[in-house]
Amino acid sequence: MQTSDDLFVRWINLEAKLVERFGKKPDLESILFLIGVQEFGEIKENYNKEQKQDLMHVAVCSLLSQSGYYELESVDEDGWPHFKQLKHIAPMGLAEQENFIKDHVLLYFENNGFLD
């Protein structure tokens, strides 16, 4: 339970920093979208629904590459990164999946100097 409590506290601290930066509290999907845009490297005024889903997929693959689940395989002519899965992800319940992703989000922001 301590690990879960630690994750909760670290997540609250991240949310507070994001509120400070953007003026409102983002949900997990918004954070994944933000990471996807960062990793894609192209900021546009508007993205269509498919592009938003693709950006969130880029975010998840980028996040899980930190733990060796994926690696960047190539970048296509439009600048979209493509990943190769290296390790199988064990089946998890919904709450466990969310915590797994949140832990990787926190690692991402720590590694990028946002949570110093």
PDB file of N, CA and C in Angstrom:
ATOM      1  N   MET A   1       0.816  -1.207   0.000  1.00  0.00           N
ATOM      2  CA  MET A   1       0.000   0.000   0.000  1.00  0.00           C
ATOM      3  C   MET A   1       0.852   1.260   0.000  1.00  0.00           C
ATOM      4  N   GLN A   2       2.028   1.183   0.549  1.00  0.00           N
ATOM      5  CA  GLN A   2       2.893   2.351   0.590  1.00  0.00           C
ATOM      6  C   GLN A   2       3.265   2.810  -0.820  1.00  0.00           C
ATOM      7  N   THR A   3       3.516   1.860  -1.717  1.00  0.00           N
ATOM      8  CA  THR A   3       3.851   2.210  -3.089  1.00  0.00           C
ATOM      9  C   THR A   3       2.698   2.968  -3.721  1.00  0.00           C
ATOM     10  N   SER A   4       1.483   2.501  -3.490  1.00  0.00           N
ATOM     11  CA  SER A   4       0.301   3.163  -4.014  1.00  0.00           C
ATOM     12  C   SER A   4       0.156   4.566  -3.430  1.00  0.00           C
ATOM     13  N   ASP A   5       0.405   4.699  -2.134  1.00  0.00           N
ATOM     14  CA  ASP A   5       0.338   6.013  -1.496  1.00  0.00           C
ATOM     15  C   ASP A   5       1.384   6.953  -2.080  1.00  0.00           C
ATOM     16  N   ASP A   6       2.594   6.443  -2.288  1.00  0.00           N
ATOM     17  CA  ASP A   6       3.665   7.238  -2.875  1.00  0.00           C
ATOM     18  C   ASP A   6       3.288   7.688  -4.281  1.00  0.00           C
ATOM     19  N   LEU A   7       2.719   6.790  -5.072  1.00  0.00           N
ATOM     20  CA  LEU A   7       2.274   7.129  -6.420  1.00  0.00           C
ATOM     21  C   LEU A   7       1.213   8.223  -6.359  1.00  0.00           C
ATOM     22  N   PHE A   8       0.282   8.093  -5.432  1.00  0.00           N
ATOM     23  CA  PHE A   8      -0.782   9.077  -5.279  1.00  0.00           C
ATOM     24  C   PHE A   8      -0.210  10.456  -4.973  1.00  0.00           C
ATOM     25  N   VAL A   9       0.717  10.531  -4.051  1.00  0.00           N
ATOM     26  CA  VAL A   9       1.328  11.816  -3.663  1.00  0.00           C
ATOM     27  C   VAL A   9       2.115  12.397  -4.832  1.00  0.00           C
ATOM     28  N   ARG A  10       2.902  11.575  -5.482  1.00  0.00           N
ATOM     29  CA  ARG A  10       3.686  12.049  -6.640  1.00  0.00           C
ATOM     30  C   ARG A  10       2.769  12.525  -7.755  1.00  0.00           C
ATOM     31  N   TRP A  11       1.642  11.831  -7.967  1.00  0.00           N
ATOM     32  CA  TRP A  11       0.704  12.212  -9.017  1.00  0.00           C
ATOM     33  C   TRP A  11       0.036  13.551  -8.689  1.00  0.00           C
ATOM     34  N   ILE A  12      -0.350  13.738  -7.435  1.00  0.00           N
ATOM     35  CA  ILE A  12      -0.952  15.006  -6.996  1.00  0.00           C
ATOM     36  C   ILE A  12       0.040  16.155  -7.219  1.00  0.00           C
ATOM     37  N   ASN A  13       1.306  15.919  -6.925  1.00  0.00           N
ATOM     38  CA  ASN A  13       2.331  16.948  -7.139  1.00  0.00           C
ATOM     39  C   ASN A  13       2.479  17.283  -8.620  1.00  0.00           C
ATOM     40  N   LEU A  14       2.427  16.263  -9.486  1.00  0.00           N
ATOM     41  CA  LEU A  14       2.490  16.511 -10.930  1.00  0.00           C
ATOM     42  C   LEU A  14       1.280  17.329 -11.374  1.00  0.00           C
ATOM     43  N   GLU A  15       0.105  16.925 -10.925  1.00  0.00           N
ATOM     44  CA  GLU A  15      -1.103  17.672 -11.297  1.00  0.00           C
ATOM     45  C   GLU A  15      -0.999  19.130 -10.865  1.00  0.00           C
ATOM     46  N   ALA A  16      -0.477  19.380  -9.684  1.00  0.00           N
ATOM     47  CA  ALA A  16      -0.328  20.754  -9.193  1.00  0.00           C
ATOM     48  C   ALA A  16       0.613  21.549 -10.095  1.00  0.00           C
ATOM     49  N   LYS A  17       1.705  20.926 -10.516  1.00  0.00           N
ATOM     50  CA  LYS A  17       2.644  21.627 -11.408  1.00  0.00           C
ATOM     51  C   LYS A  17       2.003  21.903 -12.766  1.00  0.00           C
ATOM     52  N   LEU A  18       1.197  20.969 -13.255  1.00  0.00           N
ATOM     53  CA  LEU A  18       0.529  21.166 -14.542  1.00  0.00           C
ATOM     54  C   LEU A  18      -0.549  22.239 -14.445  1.00  0.00           C
ATOM     55  N   VAL A  19      -1.240  22.307 -13.313  1.00  0.00           N
ATOM     56  CA  VAL A  19      -2.215  23.385 -13.094  1.00  0.00           C
ATOM     57  C   VAL A  19      -1.492  24.724 -13.088  1.00  0.00           C
ATOM     58  N   GLU A  20      -0.366  24.775 -12.410  1.00  0.00           N
ATOM     59  CA  GLU A  20       0.446  25.992 -12.352  1.00  0.00           C
ATOM     60  C   GLU A  20       0.885  26.410 -13.761  1.00  0.00           C
ATOM     61  N   ARG A  21       1.233  25.444 -14.579  1.00  0.00           N
ATOM     62  CA  ARG A  21       1.745  25.714 -15.924  1.00  0.00           C
ATOM     63  C   ARG A  21       0.641  26.051 -16.924  1.00  0.00           C
ATOM     64  N   PHE A  22      -0.499  25.308 -16.855  1.00  0.00           N
ATOM     65  CA  PHE A  22      -1.533  25.444 -17.884  1.00  0.00           C
ATOM     66  C   PHE A  22      -2.840  26.071 -17.389  1.00  0.00           C
ATOM     67  N   GLY A  23      -2.964  26.268 -16.072  1.00  0.00           N
ATOM     68  CA  GLY A  23      -4.144  26.945 -15.562  1.00  0.00           C
ATOM     69  C   GLY A  23      -5.334  26.055 -15.257  1.00  0.00           C
ATOM     70  N   LYS A  24      -5.234  24.762 -15.558  1.00  0.00           N
ATOM     71  CA  LYS A  24      -6.314  23.851 -15.176  1.00  0.00           C
ATOM     72  C   LYS A  24      -5.754  22.451 -15.002  1.00  0.00           C
ATOM     73  N   LYS A  25      -6.515  21.644 -14.251  1.00  0.00           N
ATOM     74  CA  LYS A  25      -6.072  20.290 -13.932  1.00  0.00           C
ATOM     75  C   LYS A  25      -6.384  19.356 -15.100  1.00  0.00           C
ATOM     76  N   PRO A  26      -5.346  18.766 -15.699  1.00  0.00           N
ATOM     77  CA  PRO A  26      -5.587  17.858 -16.826  1.00  0.00           C
ATOM     78  C   PRO A  26      -5.890  16.439 -16.329  1.00  0.00           C
ATOM     79  N   ASP A  27      -6.689  15.707 -17.101  1.00  0.00           N
ATOM     80  CA  ASP A  27      -6.892  14.299 -16.790  1.00  0.00           C
ATOM     81  C   ASP A  27      -5.774  13.488 -17.455  1.00  0.00           C
ATOM     82  N   LEU A  28      -5.766  12.186 -17.226  1.00  0.00           N
ATOM     83  CA  LEU A  28      -4.699  11.338 -17.754  1.00  0.00           C
ATOM     84  C   LEU A  28      -4.648  11.380 -19.273  1.00  0.00           C
ATOM     85  N   GLU A  29      -5.810  11.378 -19.928  1.00  0.00           N
ATOM     86  CA  GLU A  29      -5.824  11.446 -21.395  1.00  0.00           C
ATOM     87  C   GLU A  29      -5.187  12.738 -21.897  1.00  0.00           C
ATOM     88  N   SER A  30      -5.469  13.839 -21.246  1.00  0.00           N
ATOM     89  CA  SER A  30      -4.870  15.122 -21.638  1.00  0.00           C
ATOM     90  C   SER A  30      -3.358  15.102 -21.465  1.00  0.00           C
ATOM     91  N   ILE A  31      -2.909  14.469 -20.399  1.00  0.00           N
ATOM     92  CA  ILE A  31      -1.470  14.366 -20.154  1.00  0.00           C
ATOM     93  C   ILE A  31      -0.822  13.499 -21.228  1.00  0.00           C
ATOM     94  N   LEU A  32      -1.475  12.395 -21.594  1.00  0.00           N
ATOM     95  CA  LEU A  32      -0.949  11.544 -22.666  1.00  0.00           C
ATOM     96  C   LEU A  32      -0.904  12.313 -23.984  1.00  0.00           C
ATOM     97  N   PHE A  33      -1.938  13.095 -24.258  1.00  0.00           N
ATOM     98  CA  PHE A  33      -1.956  13.920 -25.464  1.00  0.00           C
ATOM     99  C   PHE A  33      -0.785  14.907 -25.456  1.00  0.00           C
ATOM    100  N   LEU A  34      -0.568  15.556 -24.327  1.00  0.00           N
ATOM    101  CA  LEU A  34       0.533  16.509 -24.180  1.00  0.00           C
ATOM    102  C   LEU A  34       1.887  15.836 -24.437  1.00  0.00           C
ATOM    103  N   ILE A  35       2.088  14.650 -23.883  1.00  0.00           N
ATOM    104  CA  ILE A  35       3.337  13.915 -24.093  1.00  0.00           C
ATOM    105  C   ILE A  35       3.459  13.514 -25.560  1.00  0.00           C
ATOM    106  N   GLY A  36       2.352  13.090 -26.164  1.00  0.00           N
ATOM    107  CA  GLY A  36       2.367  12.723 -27.581  1.00  0.00           C
ATOM    108  C   GLY A  36       2.783  13.884 -28.467  1.00  0.00           C
ATOM    109  N   VAL A  37       2.241  15.050 -28.198  1.00  0.00           N
ATOM    110  CA  VAL A  37       2.622  16.249 -28.965  1.00  0.00           C
ATOM    111  C   VAL A  37       4.103  16.542 -28.771  1.00  0.00           C
ATOM    112  N   GLN A  38       4.566  16.441 -27.530  1.00  0.00           N
ATOM    113  CA  GLN A  38       5.988  16.672 -27.233  1.00  0.00           C
ATOM    114  C   GLN A  38       6.868  15.704 -28.012  1.00  0.00           C
ATOM    115  N   GLU A  39       6.493  14.435 -28.023  1.00  0.00           N
ATOM    116  CA  GLU A  39       7.301  13.416 -28.696  1.00  0.00           C
ATOM    117  C   GLU A  39       7.208  13.530 -30.217  1.00  0.00           C
ATOM    118  N   PHE A  40       6.044  13.901 -30.720  1.00  0.00           N
ATOM    119  CA  PHE A  40       5.866  14.091 -32.159  1.00  0.00           C
ATOM    120  C   PHE A  40       6.641  15.313 -32.625  1.00  0.00           C
ATOM    121  N   GLY A  41       6.611  16.343 -31.806  1.00  0.00           N
ATOM    122  CA  GLY A  41       7.419  17.524 -32.090  1.00  0.00           C
ATOM    123  C   GLY A  41       6.765  18.569 -32.961  1.00  0.00           C
ATOM    124  N   GLU A  42       5.510  18.393 -33.312  1.00  0.00           N
ATOM    125  CA  GLU A  42       4.827  19.373 -34.152  1.00  0.00           C
ATOM    126  C   GLU A  42       3.569  19.850 -33.451  1.00  0.00           C
ATOM    127  N   ILE A  43       3.563  21.112 -33.098  1.00  0.00           N
ATOM    128  CA  ILE A  43       2.395  21.691 -32.438  1.00  0.00           C
ATOM    129  C   ILE A  43       1.529  22.352 -33.497  1.00  0.00           C
ATOM    130  N   LYS A  44       0.263  21.929 -33.534  1.00  0.00           N
ATOM    131  CA  LYS A  44      -0.699  22.506 -34.469  1.00  0.00           C
ATOM    132  C   LYS A  44      -1.844  23.110 -33.677  1.00  0.00           C
ATOM    133  N   GLU A  45      -2.562  24.006 -34.299  1.00  0.00           N
ATOM    134  CA  GLU A  45      -3.721  24.630 -33.658  1.00  0.00           C
ATOM    135  C   GLU A  45      -4.802  23.595 -33.364  1.00  0.00           C
ATOM    136  N   ASN A  46      -5.039  22.706 -34.314  1.00  0.00           N
ATOM    137  CA  ASN A  46      -6.075  21.686 -34.157  1.00  0.00           C
ATOM    138  C   ASN A  46      -5.583  20.346 -34.676  1.00  0.00           C
ATOM    139  N   TYR A  47      -6.008  19.298 -34.005  1.00  0.00           N
ATOM    140  CA  TYR A  47      -5.751  17.933 -34.440  1.00  0.00           C
ATOM    141  C   TYR A  47      -7.107  17.258 -34.597  1.00  0.00           C
ATOM    142  N   ASN A  48      -7.246  16.412 -35.629  1.00  0.00           N
ATOM    143  CA  ASN A  48      -8.498  15.674 -35.750  1.00  0.00           C
ATOM    144  C   ASN A  48      -8.500  14.513 -34.759  1.00  0.00           C
ATOM    145  N   LYS A  49      -9.632  13.833 -34.642  1.00  0.00           N
ATOM    146  CA  LYS A  49      -9.786  12.771 -33.648  1.00  0.00           C
ATOM    147  C   LYS A  49      -8.743  11.664 -33.850  1.00  0.00           C
ATOM    148  N   GLU A  50      -8.512  11.265 -35.086  1.00  0.00           N
ATOM    149  CA  GLU A  50      -7.538  10.205 -35.372  1.00  0.00           C
ATOM    150  C   GLU A  50      -6.123  10.635 -34.982  1.00  0.00           C
ATOM    151  N   GLN A  51      -5.767  11.872 -35.271  1.00  0.00           N
ATOM    152  CA  GLN A  51      -4.442  12.384 -34.894  1.00  0.00           C
ATOM    153  C   GLN A  51      -4.286  12.424 -33.377  1.00  0.00           C
ATOM    154  N   LYS A  52      -5.338  12.795 -32.668  1.00  0.00           N
ATOM    155  CA  LYS A  52      -5.286  12.804 -31.203  1.00  0.00           C
ATOM    156  C   LYS A  52      -5.046  11.400 -30.668  1.00  0.00           C
ATOM    157  N   GLN A  53      -5.747  10.414 -31.234  1.00  0.00           N
ATOM    158  CA  GLN A  53      -5.548   9.024 -30.823  1.00  0.00           C
ATOM    159  C   GLN A  53      -4.121   8.573 -31.150  1.00  0.00           C
ATOM    160  N   ASP A  54      -3.628   8.949 -32.319  1.00  0.00           N
ATOM    161  CA  ASP A  54      -2.263   8.594 -32.707  1.00  0.00           C
ATOM    162  C   ASP A  54      -1.239   9.228 -31.760  1.00  0.00           C
ATOM    163  N   LEU A  55      -1.476  10.468 -31.366  1.00  0.00           N
ATOM    164  CA  LEU A  55      -0.564  11.147 -30.444  1.00  0.00           C
ATOM    165  C   LEU A  55      -0.561  10.467 -29.075  1.00  0.00           C
ATOM    166  N   MET A  56      -1.727  10.018 -28.626  1.00  0.00           N
ATOM    167  CA  MET A  56      -1.779   9.308 -27.347  1.00  0.00           C
ATOM    168  C   MET A  56      -1.090   7.951 -27.456  1.00  0.00           C
ATOM    169  N   HIS A  57      -1.176   7.315 -28.615  1.00  0.00           N
ATOM    170  CA  HIS A  57      -0.459   6.049 -28.837  1.00  0.00           C
ATOM    171  C   HIS A  57       1.052   6.289 -28.815  1.00  0.00           C
ATOM    172  N   VAL A  58       1.498   7.347 -29.460  1.00  0.00           N
ATOM    173  CA  VAL A  58       2.918   7.718 -29.430  1.00  0.00           C
ATOM    174  C   VAL A  58       3.362   7.937 -27.988  1.00  0.00           C
ATOM    175  N   ALA A  59       2.515   8.611 -27.208  1.00  0.00           N
ATOM    176  CA  ALA A  59       2.849   8.867 -25.807  1.00  0.00           C
ATOM    177  C   ALA A  59       3.016   7.563 -25.038  1.00  0.00           C
ATOM    178  N   VAL A  60       2.067   6.651 -25.173  1.00  0.00           N
ATOM    179  CA  VAL A  60       2.130   5.393 -24.432  1.00  0.00           C
ATOM    180  C   VAL A  60       3.371   4.599 -24.831  1.00  0.00           C
ATOM    181  N   CYS A  61       3.653   4.509 -26.120  1.00  0.00           N
ATOM    182  CA  CYS A  61       4.843   3.788 -26.571  1.00  0.00           C
ATOM    183  C   CYS A  61       6.116   4.466 -26.061  1.00  0.00           C
ATOM    184  N   SER A  62       6.152   5.780 -26.094  1.00  0.00           N
ATOM    185  CA  SER A  62       7.313   6.517 -25.584  1.00  0.00           C
ATOM    186  C   SER A  62       7.493   6.275 -24.096  1.00  0.00           C
ATOM    187  N   LEU A  63       6.378   6.330 -23.363  1.00  0.00           N
ATOM    188  CA  LEU A  63       6.439   6.108 -21.918  1.00  0.00           C
ATOM    189  C   LEU A  63       6.946   4.706 -21.602  1.00  0.00           C
ATOM    190  N   LEU A  64       6.405   3.711 -22.280  1.00  0.00           N
ATOM    191  CA  LEU A  64       6.774   2.330 -21.986  1.00  0.00           C
ATOM    192  C   LEU A  64       8.145   1.962 -22.534  1.00  0.00           C
ATOM    193  N   SER A  65       8.666   2.771 -23.434  1.00  0.00           N
ATOM    194  CA  SER A  65      10.039   2.529 -23.908  1.00  0.00           C
ATOM    195  C   SER A  65      11.047   2.794 -22.794  1.00  0.00           C
ATOM    196  N   GLN A  66      10.650   3.606 -21.814  1.00  0.00           N
ATOM    197  CA  GLN A  66      11.523   3.874 -20.666  1.00  0.00           C
ATOM    198  C   GLN A  66      11.823   2.607 -19.875  1.00  0.00           C
ATOM    199  N   SER A  67      10.916   1.625 -19.950  1.00  0.00           N
ATOM    200  CA  SER A  67      11.075   0.369 -19.222  1.00  0.00           C
ATOM    201  C   SER A  67      11.390  -0.800 -20.151  1.00  0.00           C
ATOM    202  N   GLY A  68      11.717  -0.498 -21.393  1.00  0.00           N
ATOM    203  CA  GLY A  68      12.122  -1.542 -22.319  1.00  0.00           C
ATOM    204  C   GLY A  68      10.995  -2.325 -22.965  1.00  0.00           C
ATOM    205  N   TYR A  69       9.764  -1.850 -22.862  1.00  0.00           N
ATOM    206  CA  TYR A  69       8.654  -2.539 -23.504  1.00  0.00           C
ATOM    207  C   TYR A  69       8.592  -2.241 -25.002  1.00  0.00           C
ATOM    208  N   TYR A  70       9.002  -1.053 -25.379  1.00  0.00           N
ATOM    209  CA  TYR A  70       9.007  -0.620 -26.775  1.00  0.00           C
ATOM    210  C   TYR A  70      10.335   0.057 -27.077  1.00  0.00           C
ATOM    211  N   GLU A  71      10.638   0.125 -28.376  1.00  0.00           N
ATOM    212  CA  GLU A  71      11.752   0.958 -28.810  1.00  0.00           C
ATOM    213  C   GLU A  71      11.348   1.653 -30.094  1.00  0.00           C
ATOM    214  N   LEU A  72      11.895   2.835 -30.287  1.00  0.00           N
ATOM    215  CA  LEU A  72      11.629   3.587 -31.506  1.00  0.00           C
ATOM    216  C   LEU A  72      12.232   2.828 -32.673  1.00  0.00           C
ATOM    217  N   GLU A  73      11.418   2.510 -33.653  1.00  0.00           N
ATOM    218  CA  GLU A  73      11.877   1.745 -34.803  1.00  0.00           C
ATOM    219  C   GLU A  73      12.213   2.661 -35.976  1.00  0.00           C
ATOM    220  N   SER A  74      11.346   3.662 -36.212  1.00  0.00           N
ATOM    221  CA  SER A  74      11.576   4.573 -37.330  1.00  0.00           C
ATOM    222  C   SER A  74      10.680   5.796 -37.183  1.00  0.00           C
ATOM    223  N   VAL A  75      10.946   6.766 -38.016  1.00  0.00           N
ATOM    224  CA  VAL A  75      10.092   7.948 -38.126  1.00  0.00           C
ATOM    225  C   VAL A  75       9.720   8.043 -39.599  1.00  0.00           C
ATOM    226  N   ASP A  76       8.425   8.105 -39.884  1.00  0.00           N
ATOM    227  CA  ASP A  76       8.001   8.125 -41.290  1.00  0.00           C
ATOM    228  C   ASP A  76       8.201   9.503 -41.921  1.00  0.00           C
ATOM    229  N   GLU A  77       7.858   9.599 -43.181  1.00  0.00           N
ATOM    230  CA  GLU A  77       8.096  10.841 -43.936  1.00  0.00           C
ATOM    231  C   GLU A  77       7.279  12.016 -43.415  1.00  0.00           C
ATOM    232  N   ASP A  78       6.223  11.744 -42.688  1.00  0.00           N
ATOM    233  CA  ASP A  78       5.414  12.806 -42.097  1.00  0.00           C
ATOM    234  C   ASP A  78       5.861  13.165 -40.681  1.00  0.00           C
ATOM    235  N   GLY A  79       6.913  12.499 -40.199  1.00  0.00           N
ATOM    236  CA  GLY A  79       7.450  12.794 -38.879  1.00  0.00           C
ATOM    237  C   GLY A  79       6.865  11.964 -37.747  1.00  0.00           C
ATOM    238  N   TRP A  80       5.989  11.003 -38.073  1.00  0.00           N
ATOM    239  CA  TRP A  80       5.374  10.178 -37.038  1.00  0.00           C
ATOM    240  C   TRP A  80       6.325   9.071 -36.610  1.00  0.00           C
ATOM    241  N   PRO A  81       6.575   8.958 -35.311  1.00  0.00           N
ATOM    242  CA  PRO A  81       7.424   7.874 -34.817  1.00  0.00           C
ATOM    243  C   PRO A  81       6.671   6.542 -34.835  1.00  0.00           C
ATOM    244  N   HIS A  82       7.403   5.469 -35.120  1.00  0.00           N
ATOM    245  CA  HIS A  82       6.849   4.118 -35.100  1.00  0.00           C
ATOM    246  C   HIS A  82       7.694   3.282 -34.160  1.00  0.00           C
ATOM    247  N   PHE A  83       7.017   2.496 -33.338  1.00  0.00           N
ATOM    248  CA  PHE A  83       7.674   1.733 -32.284  1.00  0.00           C
ATOM    249  C   PHE A  83       7.543   0.240 -32.533  1.00  0.00           C
ATOM    250  N   LYS A  84       8.495  -0.484 -31.981  1.00  0.00           N
ATOM    251  CA  LYS A  84       8.476  -1.937 -32.025  1.00  0.00           C
ATOM    252  C   LYS A  84       8.351  -2.432 -30.593  1.00  0.00           C
ATOM    253  N   GLN A  85       7.422  -3.373 -30.367  1.00  0.00           N
ATOM    254  CA  GLN A  85       7.246  -3.931 -29.029  1.00  0.00           C
ATOM    255  C   GLN A  85       8.350  -4.953 -28.778  1.00  0.00           C
ATOM    256  N   LEU A  86       9.007  -4.812 -27.625  1.00  0.00           N
ATOM    257  CA  LEU A  86      10.116  -5.691 -27.262  1.00  0.00           C
ATOM    258  C   LEU A  86       9.723  -6.724 -26.216  1.00  0.00           C
ATOM    259  N   LYS A  87       8.829  -6.333 -25.306  1.00  0.00           N
ATOM    260  CA  LYS A  87       8.417  -7.210 -24.218  1.00  0.00           C
ATOM    261  C   LYS A  87       6.895  -7.220 -24.138  1.00  0.00           C
ATOM    262  N   HIS A  88       6.385  -8.371 -23.728  1.00  0.00           N
ATOM    263  CA  HIS A  88       4.949  -8.506 -23.503  1.00  0.00           C
ATOM    264  C   HIS A  88       4.588  -7.796 -22.197  1.00  0.00           C
ATOM    265  N   ILE A  89       3.460  -7.125 -22.200  1.00  0.00           N
ATOM    266  CA  ILE A  89       2.961  -6.476 -20.996  1.00  0.00           C
ATOM    267  C   ILE A  89       1.968  -7.429 -20.339  1.00  0.00           C
ATOM    268  N   ALA A  90       2.217  -7.759 -19.099  1.00  0.00           N
ATOM    269  CA  ALA A  90       1.363  -8.698 -18.373  1.00  0.00           C
ATOM    270  C   ALA A  90      -0.057  -8.147 -18.251  1.00  0.00           C
ATOM    271  N   PRO A  91      -1.043  -9.019 -18.297  1.00  0.00           N
ATOM    272  CA  PRO A  91      -2.432  -8.566 -18.106  1.00  0.00           C
ATOM    273  C   PRO A  91      -2.605  -7.910 -16.740  1.00  0.00           C
ATOM    274  N   MET A  92      -3.389  -6.842 -16.715  1.00  0.00           N
ATOM    275  CA  MET A  92      -3.625  -6.088 -15.476  1.00  0.00           C
ATOM    276  C   MET A  92      -5.072  -5.655 -15.429  1.00  0.00           C
ATOM    277  N   GLY A  93      -5.544  -5.421 -14.216  1.00  0.00           N
ATOM    278  CA  GLY A  93      -6.860  -4.823 -14.042  1.00  0.00           C
ATOM    279  C   GLY A  93      -6.800  -3.346 -14.395  1.00  0.00           C
ATOM    280  N   LEU A  94      -7.951  -2.714 -14.501  1.00  0.00           N
ATOM    281  CA  LEU A  94      -8.008  -1.307 -14.901  1.00  0.00           C
ATOM    282  C   LEU A  94      -7.234  -0.390 -13.966  1.00  0.00           C
ATOM    283  N   ALA A  95      -7.428  -0.543 -12.668  1.00  0.00           N
ATOM    284  CA  ALA A  95      -6.729   0.323 -11.708  1.00  0.00           C
ATOM    285  C   ALA A  95      -5.219   0.094 -11.801  1.00  0.00           C
ATOM    286  N   GLU A  96      -4.823  -1.152 -11.962  1.00  0.00           N
ATOM    287  CA  GLU A  96      -3.403  -1.471 -12.080  1.00  0.00           C
ATOM    288  C   GLU A  96      -2.809  -0.878 -13.364  1.00  0.00           C
ATOM    289  N   GLN A  97      -3.563  -0.944 -14.461  1.00  0.00           N
ATOM    290  CA  GLN A  97      -3.115  -0.342 -15.724  1.00  0.00           C
ATOM    291  C   GLN A  97      -2.914   1.161 -15.569  1.00  0.00           C
ATOM    292  N   GLU A  98      -3.889   1.802 -14.923  1.00  0.00           N
ATOM    293  CA  GLU A  98      -3.803   3.247 -14.740  1.00  0.00           C
ATOM    294  C   GLU A  98      -2.584   3.619 -13.906  1.00  0.00           C
ATOM    295  N   ASN A  99      -2.344   2.882 -12.831  1.00  0.00           N
ATOM    296  CA  ASN A  99      -1.171   3.151 -11.993  1.00  0.00           C
ATOM    297  C   ASN A  99       0.123   2.882 -12.744  1.00  0.00           C
ATOM    298  N   PHE A 100       0.133   1.846 -13.573  1.00  0.00           N
ATOM    299  CA  PHE A 100       1.303   1.511 -14.397  1.00  0.00           C
ATOM    300  C   PHE A 100       1.639   2.676 -15.331  1.00  0.00           C
ATOM    301  N   ILE A 101       0.623   3.200 -15.992  1.00  0.00           N
ATOM    302  CA  ILE A 101       0.821   4.338 -16.902  1.00  0.00           C
ATOM    303  C   ILE A 101       1.211   5.583 -16.115  1.00  0.00           C
ATOM    304  N   LYS A 102       0.534   5.851 -15.009  1.00  0.00           N
ATOM    305  CA  LYS A 102       0.858   7.032 -14.202  1.00  0.00           C
ATOM    306  C   LYS A 102       2.304   6.996 -13.721  1.00  0.00           C
ATOM    307  N   ASP A 103       2.771   5.831 -13.305  1.00  0.00           N
ATOM    308  CA  ASP A 103       4.152   5.696 -12.856  1.00  0.00           C
ATOM    309  C   ASP A 103       5.121   6.028 -13.989  1.00  0.00           C
ATOM    310  N   HIS A 104       4.793   5.604 -15.206  1.00  0.00           N
ATOM    311  CA  HIS A 104       5.640   5.914 -16.362  1.00  0.00           C
ATOM    312  C   HIS A 104       5.552   7.393 -16.750  1.00  0.00           C
ATOM    313  N   VAL A 105       4.374   7.990 -16.581  1.00  0.00           N
ATOM    314  CA  VAL A 105       4.218   9.435 -16.828  1.00  0.00           C
ATOM    315  C   VAL A 105       5.113  10.213 -15.868  1.00  0.00           C
ATOM    316  N   LEU A 106       5.073   9.834 -14.602  1.00  0.00           N
ATOM    317  CA  LEU A 106       5.905  10.511 -13.602  1.00  0.00           C
ATOM    318  C   LEU A 106       7.387  10.370 -13.934  1.00  0.00           C
ATOM    319  N   LEU A 107       7.800   9.183 -14.339  1.00  0.00           N
ATOM    320  CA  LEU A 107       9.187   8.960 -14.735  1.00  0.00           C
ATOM    321  C   LEU A 107       9.558   9.846 -15.924  1.00  0.00           C
ATOM    322  N   TYR A 108       8.648   9.955 -16.884  1.00  0.00           N
ATOM    323  CA  TYR A 108       8.873  10.798 -18.066  1.00  0.00           C
ATOM    324  C   TYR A 108       9.119  12.257 -17.654  1.00  0.00           C
ATOM    325  N   PHE A 109       8.243  12.781 -16.807  1.00  0.00           N
ATOM    326  CA  PHE A 109       8.397  14.169 -16.387  1.00  0.00           C
ATOM    327  C   PHE A 109       9.637  14.370 -15.524  1.00  0.00           C
ATOM    328  N   GLU A 110       9.966  13.388 -14.701  1.00  0.00           N
ATOM    329  CA  GLU A 110      11.208  13.467 -13.908  1.00  0.00           C
ATOM    330  C   GLU A 110      12.425  13.473 -14.833  1.00  0.00           C
ATOM    331  N   ASN A 111      12.434  12.576 -15.818  1.00  0.00           N
ATOM    332  CA  ASN A 111      13.565  12.492 -16.738  1.00  0.00           C
ATOM    333  C   ASN A 111      13.716  13.727 -17.619  1.00  0.00           C
ATOM    334  N   ASN A 112      12.612  14.459 -17.808  1.00  0.00           N
ATOM    335  CA  ASN A 112      12.657  15.666 -18.623  1.00  0.00           C
ATOM    336  C   ASN A 112      12.763  16.942 -17.799  1.00  0.00           C
ATOM    337  N   GLY A 113      13.067  16.788 -16.501  1.00  0.00           N
ATOM    338  CA  GLY A 113      13.340  17.941 -15.653  1.00  0.00           C
ATOM    339  C   GLY A 113      12.147  18.753 -15.228  1.00  0.00           C
ATOM    340  N   PHE A 114      10.939  18.215 -15.408  1.00  0.00           N
ATOM    341  CA  PHE A 114       9.745  18.980 -15.053  1.00  0.00           C
ATOM    342  C   PHE A 114       9.424  18.870 -13.570  1.00  0.00           C
ATOM    343  N   LEU A 115       9.882  17.813 -12.933  1.00  0.00           N
ATOM    344  CA  LEU A 115       9.547  17.592 -11.518  1.00  0.00           C
ATOM    345  C   LEU A 115      10.746  17.784 -10.594  1.00  0.00           C
ATOM    346  N   ASP A 116      11.602  18.673 -10.929  1.00  0.00           N
ATOM    347  CA  ASP A 116      12.779  18.925 -10.068  1.00  0.00           C
ATOM    348  C   ASP A 116      12.409  19.715  -8.837  1.00  0.00           C
TER     349      ASP A 116
END
